Amino acid sequence: LAVNLSDLAAMGARPLGFTLALSLPRADDAWLADFARGLFALADAHACPLVGGDTTRGPLNICITVFGEVRPGRALRRDAARVGDDIYVSGRTGEARLALEWLLGTPWARDAVGPALPAGLRARLERPSPRLALGQALAGVAHAALDLSDGLTGDLGHILTASGVGADIRLGDLPVVPALAALPEAERLTCLLSGGDDYELLFTAPVSSREAVQAAARASET
């Protein structure tokens, strides 16, 4: 659900509701209670009610479809970046990739993080926070946008290709949290630039909109 809501955020849309198709090999009351608790906590937080769906017996499969709305002409699109635009990233990147590498037992991740994975770092991978408020605040302000699921360079590449423009990334401007700062440079850049599943917003906006972008960030507490 969070991943689907993030897609709405990247278009500046407001969620209306979602459907759930759930396939289970057997009914497990404890699992279903935990699943429902997490699902509806997220749905309630973003005023996105469950409006329909289906349940069947079979291999575990969770299929969610989210519906949203945005005013005509104000949707954020990947093909709308313009020459001279600033490039922004909400929050920070790389922590989800670092958490994944730690869980996979990758030596450089284990060395940087230590023997235990901090709860906050694990949450960045397993409990992404869709930036819906920011996306809605940016509608009519930003030009192009995507949510970061394929990594900064990968998703920026999608925007550049669709928009027919190029870009320069100033690596020194990217925020680096302490856990990433402890990494060797090559691995740190891998997390910052190529790590997916951050679900932050990557967007472009004209230089003239810098104050409006800051206002949108403050309004959404991003």
Protein backbone atom coordinates (compact mmCIF):
# COMPACT_ATOMS: atom_id res chain seq x y z
CA LEU A 1 0.00 0.00 0.00
CA ALA A 2 2.81 2.42 0.83
CA VAL A 3 4.47 1.76 -2.52
CA ASN A 4 1.22 2.41 -4.39
CA LEU A 5 0.56 5.58 -2.39
CA SER A 6 4.05 6.74 -3.28
CA ASP A 7 3.11 6.54 -6.96
CA LEU A 8 0.21 8.90 -6.25
CA ALA A 9 2.55 11.23 -4.35
CA ALA A 10 4.84 11.41 -7.37
CA MET A 11 1.92 12.72 -9.44
CA GLY A 12 0.71 15.23 -6.87
CA ALA A 13 -2.47 13.22 -6.40
CA ARG A 14 -4.74 12.74 -3.41
CA PRO A 15 -5.71 9.14 -2.53
CA LEU A 16 -9.38 8.17 -2.67
CA GLY A 17 -9.34 4.47 -1.79
CA PHE A 18 -7.85 1.08 -2.61
CA THR A 19 -8.83 -2.49 -3.42
CA LEU A 20 -7.16 -5.62 -2.07
CA ALA A 21 -6.98 -9.04 -3.74
CA LEU A 22 -5.54 -11.45 -1.18
CA SER A 23 -4.62 -15.10 -1.81
CA LEU A 24 -3.66 -17.26 1.19
CA PRO A 25 -2.65 -20.92 1.41
CA ARG A 26 -4.61 -21.13 4.68
CA ALA A 27 -6.34 -18.85 7.18
CA ASP A 28 -3.90 -17.84 9.92
CA ASP A 29 -5.70 -15.66 12.46
CA ALA A 30 -2.54 -14.25 14.05
CA TRP A 31 -0.97 -13.38 10.67
CA LEU A 32 -4.18 -11.84 9.39
CA ALA A 33 -4.56 -9.72 12.54
CA ASP A 34 -1.04 -8.34 12.22
CA PHE A 35 -1.44 -7.79 8.48
CA ALA A 36 -4.75 -5.97 8.91
CA ARG A 37 -3.39 -3.85 11.75
CA GLY A 38 -0.49 -2.58 9.67
CA LEU A 39 -2.52 -2.17 6.50
CA PHE A 40 -5.34 -0.19 8.07
CA ALA A 41 -2.99 1.96 10.18
CA LEU A 42 -1.35 3.14 6.96
CA ALA A 43 -4.68 3.50 5.17
CA ASP A 44 -6.15 5.55 8.01
CA ALA A 45 -3.07 7.77 8.21
CA HIS A 46 -3.61 8.81 4.59
CA ALA A 47 -7.43 8.78 4.50
CA CYS A 48 -7.40 5.99 1.94
CA PRO A 49 -10.14 3.45 2.78
CA LEU A 50 -10.40 -0.12 1.56
CA VAL A 51 -13.32 -0.09 -0.90
CA GLY A 52 -13.36 -3.62 -2.30
CA GLY A 53 -11.44 -6.66 -3.44
CA ASP A 54 -11.43 -10.43 -3.07
CA THR A 55 -9.89 -13.26 -1.05
CA THR A 56 -9.04 -16.72 -2.38
CA ARG A 57 -7.12 -19.84 -1.38
CA GLY A 58 -3.72 -20.29 -3.03
CA PRO A 59 -0.07 -19.25 -2.78
CA LEU A 60 0.41 -16.03 -0.79
CA ASN A 61 -0.26 -13.08 -3.08
CA ILE A 62 -1.15 -9.51 -2.15
CA CYS A 63 -2.41 -7.30 -4.98
CA ILE A 64 -3.36 -3.69 -4.19
CA THR A 65 -4.79 -1.10 -6.56
CA VAL A 66 -4.97 2.52 -5.38
CA PHE A 67 -7.25 5.22 -6.78
CA GLY A 68 -6.51 8.93 -6.56
CA GLU A 69 -7.35 12.28 -8.07
CA VAL A 70 -5.55 15.42 -9.13
CA ARG A 71 -6.88 18.63 -10.62
CA PRO A 72 -6.75 18.76 -14.45
CA GLY A 73 -3.47 20.12 -15.74
CA ARG A 74 -1.71 19.89 -12.37
CA ALA A 75 -0.46 16.29 -12.41
CA LEU A 76 3.29 15.92 -12.01
CA ARG A 77 4.70 13.99 -14.98
CA ARG A 78 8.06 12.44 -15.76
CA ASP A 79 8.24 14.11 -19.18
CA ALA A 80 7.97 17.73 -18.02
CA ALA A 81 11.54 18.61 -16.92
CA ARG A 82 12.96 21.69 -18.60
CA VAL A 83 16.45 22.99 -19.33
CA GLY A 84 17.63 25.07 -16.37
CA ASP A 85 15.45 23.30 -13.78
CA ASP A 86 16.78 22.63 -10.29
CA ILE A 87 16.74 18.98 -9.19
CA TYR A 88 15.43 18.12 -5.73
CA VAL A 89 15.23 15.00 -3.60
CA SER A 90 13.04 14.89 -0.51
CA GLY A 91 14.55 13.43 2.65
CA ARG A 92 17.63 11.32 2.01
CA THR A 93 18.66 8.33 -0.07
CA GLY A 94 20.67 5.18 0.48
CA GLU A 95 19.46 3.85 3.82
CA ALA A 96 17.09 1.26 2.34
CA ARG A 97 19.92 -0.14 0.21
CA LEU A 98 22.25 -0.26 3.20
CA ALA A 99 19.62 -2.09 5.27
CA LEU A 100 19.07 -4.58 2.45
CA GLU A 101 22.80 -5.27 2.11
CA TRP A 102 23.02 -5.80 5.89
CA LEU A 103 20.14 -8.28 5.80
CA LEU A 104 21.85 -10.10 2.92
CA GLY A 105 25.02 -10.38 5.00
CA THR A 106 27.16 -8.19 2.74
CA PRO A 107 30.49 -7.66 4.58
CA TRP A 108 30.86 -3.93 3.93
CA ALA A 109 27.34 -3.28 5.22
CA ARG A 110 27.90 -5.41 8.33
CA ASP A 111 31.19 -3.62 9.00
CA ALA A 112 29.59 -0.17 8.72
CA VAL A 113 26.43 -0.86 10.71
CA GLY A 114 27.64 -3.36 13.26
CA PRO A 115 26.20 -6.63 14.58
CA ALA A 116 22.62 -5.34 14.95
CA LEU A 117 20.52 -3.50 12.38
CA PRO A 118 19.00 -0.38 14.00
CA ALA A 119 15.21 -0.28 13.91
CA GLY A 120 15.19 3.08 12.16
CA LEU A 121 17.42 1.81 9.36
CA ARG A 122 15.34 -1.32 8.91
CA ALA A 123 12.15 0.75 8.79
CA ARG A 124 13.55 2.72 5.85
CA LEU A 125 13.52 -0.53 3.87
CA GLU A 126 10.43 -2.26 5.23
CA ARG A 127 8.13 0.66 6.11
CA PRO A 128 8.49 3.40 3.48
CA SER A 129 6.62 6.66 4.09
CA PRO A 130 4.82 7.92 0.97
CA ARG A 131 5.38 11.67 0.57
CA LEU A 132 1.77 12.45 -0.25
CA ALA A 133 1.60 15.83 1.45
CA LEU A 134 4.71 17.03 -0.35
CA GLY A 135 3.53 15.75 -3.71
CA GLN A 136 0.22 17.55 -3.38
CA ALA A 137 1.98 20.75 -2.28
CA LEU A 138 4.24 20.56 -5.34
CA ALA A 139 1.38 20.25 -7.83
CA GLY A 140 1.52 23.40 -9.92
CA VAL A 141 5.01 24.23 -8.57
CA ALA A 142 7.30 21.43 -9.79
CA HIS A 143 7.71 20.38 -13.40
CA ALA A 144 8.58 16.66 -13.41
CA ALA A 145 8.57 14.10 -10.61
CA LEU A 146 9.02 10.42 -9.78
CA ASP A 147 9.27 8.47 -6.57
CA LEU A 148 12.61 6.82 -5.90
CA SER A 149 12.15 3.09 -6.38
CA ASP A 150 14.99 2.40 -8.84
CA GLY A 151 17.65 4.59 -7.24
CA LEU A 152 18.52 8.24 -7.76
CA THR A 153 20.40 7.84 -11.03
CA GLY A 154 17.94 5.28 -12.37
CA ASP A 155 14.84 7.36 -11.72
CA LEU A 156 16.51 10.60 -12.76
CA GLY A 157 17.39 8.79 -15.98
CA HIS A 158 13.70 8.03 -16.52
CA ILE A 159 12.86 11.73 -16.17
CA LEU A 160 15.71 12.86 -18.42
CA THR A 161 14.87 10.35 -21.15
CA ALA A 162 11.17 11.20 -21.11
CA SER A 163 11.88 14.94 -21.04
CA GLY A 164 14.71 14.96 -23.58
CA VAL A 165 17.18 16.79 -21.32
CA GLY A 166 20.41 16.08 -19.41
CA ALA A 167 21.52 16.78 -15.86
CA ASP A 168 24.49 17.31 -13.54
CA ILE A 169 24.39 15.88 -10.01
CA ARG A 170 26.40 17.69 -7.31
CA LEU A 171 27.35 14.79 -5.06
CA GLY A 172 28.38 17.14 -2.26
CA ASP A 173 24.81 18.38 -1.95
CA LEU A 174 23.39 14.94 -1.15
CA PRO A 175 22.74 14.43 2.58
CA VAL A 176 24.78 11.58 4.06
CA VAL A 177 23.59 10.01 7.31
CA PRO A 178 26.24 8.68 9.75
CA ALA A 179 25.64 5.05 8.79
CA LEU A 180 26.46 5.85 5.16
CA ALA A 181 29.37 8.11 6.06
CA ALA A 182 31.10 5.09 7.60
CA LEU A 183 31.14 3.27 4.25
CA PRO A 184 34.03 3.21 1.78
CA GLU A 185 33.44 5.77 -0.96
CA ALA A 186 32.46 3.30 -3.69
CA GLU A 187 29.85 1.58 -1.51
CA ARG A 188 28.58 4.91 -0.17
CA LEU A 189 27.96 6.15 -3.72
CA THR A 190 26.28 2.85 -4.59
CA CYS A 191 23.80 3.38 -1.77
CA LEU A 192 23.27 7.08 -2.46
CA LEU A 193 22.91 6.84 -6.23
CA SER A 194 21.86 3.28 -7.06
CA GLY A 195 20.01 2.07 -3.99
CA GLY A 196 16.32 1.62 -4.65
CA ASP A 197 13.27 1.50 -2.39
CA ASP A 198 13.79 4.91 -0.75
CA TYR A 199 10.36 6.13 -1.93
CA GLU A 200 11.39 9.74 -1.58
CA LEU A 201 10.30 12.22 -4.24
CA LEU A 202 12.70 13.22 -6.99
CA PHE A 203 11.49 16.29 -8.85
CA THR A 204 12.55 19.24 -10.96
CA ALA A 205 11.38 22.83 -10.70
CA PRO A 206 12.38 26.16 -12.28
CA VAL A 207 14.82 28.42 -10.47
CA SER A 208 12.02 30.94 -10.06
CA SER A 209 10.14 28.44 -7.88
CA ARG A 210 12.81 27.94 -5.21
CA GLU A 211 10.85 29.80 -2.54
CA ALA A 212 7.67 27.95 -3.48
CA VAL A 213 9.47 24.60 -3.21
CA GLN A 214 10.76 25.52 0.25
CA ALA A 215 7.25 26.58 1.26
CA ALA A 216 5.88 23.24 0.02
CA ALA A 217 8.50 21.39 2.05
CA ARG A 218 7.70 23.33 5.18
CA ALA A 219 3.96 22.87 4.69
CA SER A 220 4.39 19.11 4.37
CA GLU A 221 7.06 18.91 7.11
CA THR A 222 9.44 17.17 4.68
